[in-house]
Amino acid sequence: MALARRRTSRAGGHGPVSAAFARVSAVAITVALAVLPQVPAAAKDLGVRGETWAIAEPDLLQVLEARLLELERSGAMAAIEDEARARVRARLETPEPVAGIAPATELRSRLVDPSVVLDRDVRLPDGTLLAAAGTRLNPLDHTPFSRDLLFIDGRRDREVTWALDRPGPATIVLLAGRPLELARRHGRPIFFDQGGRLTARFGLAATPVEVRREGARLRVTEVPIPDDGAGP
């Protein structure tokens, strides 16, 4: 009977031995948790191995400031500024000619529809829809076109004379030549088709050309000028 009770205690795990073991384990865990935070860190300074040098790279801004000051003192800065102004002035005085333009050889006329189809919605700043994508708009319905456009090659005196002698209000636009010089010489504004945007818009391939409004469209007319042997 005593043997049976002893076996039952070992098998059930609730006897005096198990309880004592549980108390010992709890005490061991508590002691371990109390001791661990007091263990010093293992990291240490390993010292320096090999030779070392101080960082001697100069500050980039200081280098630039010193260089600019040197250029200013030597007069080189003024020369650089003068050269930059001269380049800009040269581009304004003699812009790059629009490519692919030749003198007109015959009288030709055609109508151009300036309408555009919107590829996106157009809205006012407050979000109000002004025109939806896919809408076809004709600028002539909203913008007056009261002055003819005269496209010429400013390097050809005959074309310049033709444009200046045209009756009625007109705007002269060069596709080549020196617009500022001609404006000073003739005392009237003369423009240049920078980048050939208007040339591409109207499909121009020759000069001189007259563009005038005709209802809701624009009439583009190439006008040949006879070569009288005087001037280029």
Foldseek 3Di string as FASTA:
>chain_A
DVVVVVVVCVVVLPDPVNVVVVVVVVVVVVVCVVCVVVDDDPDDDPDDDDDDDDDDDDDPVVVVVVVVVVCVVVVVVVVVVVVVVVVVVVCQQWPDFDPQEAADDDKDKDKAQLKDFAQAFDADPVGHTPDGGRDIDQVVVPDPDQAKEWEAAQQFVVQVVVVVPDDDHYAYEYNGHGQVVVCVVVVHHHHYCVPCPVCVSVVHRYDGWIWDDDPSIIMIIHDHDDCPPPGD
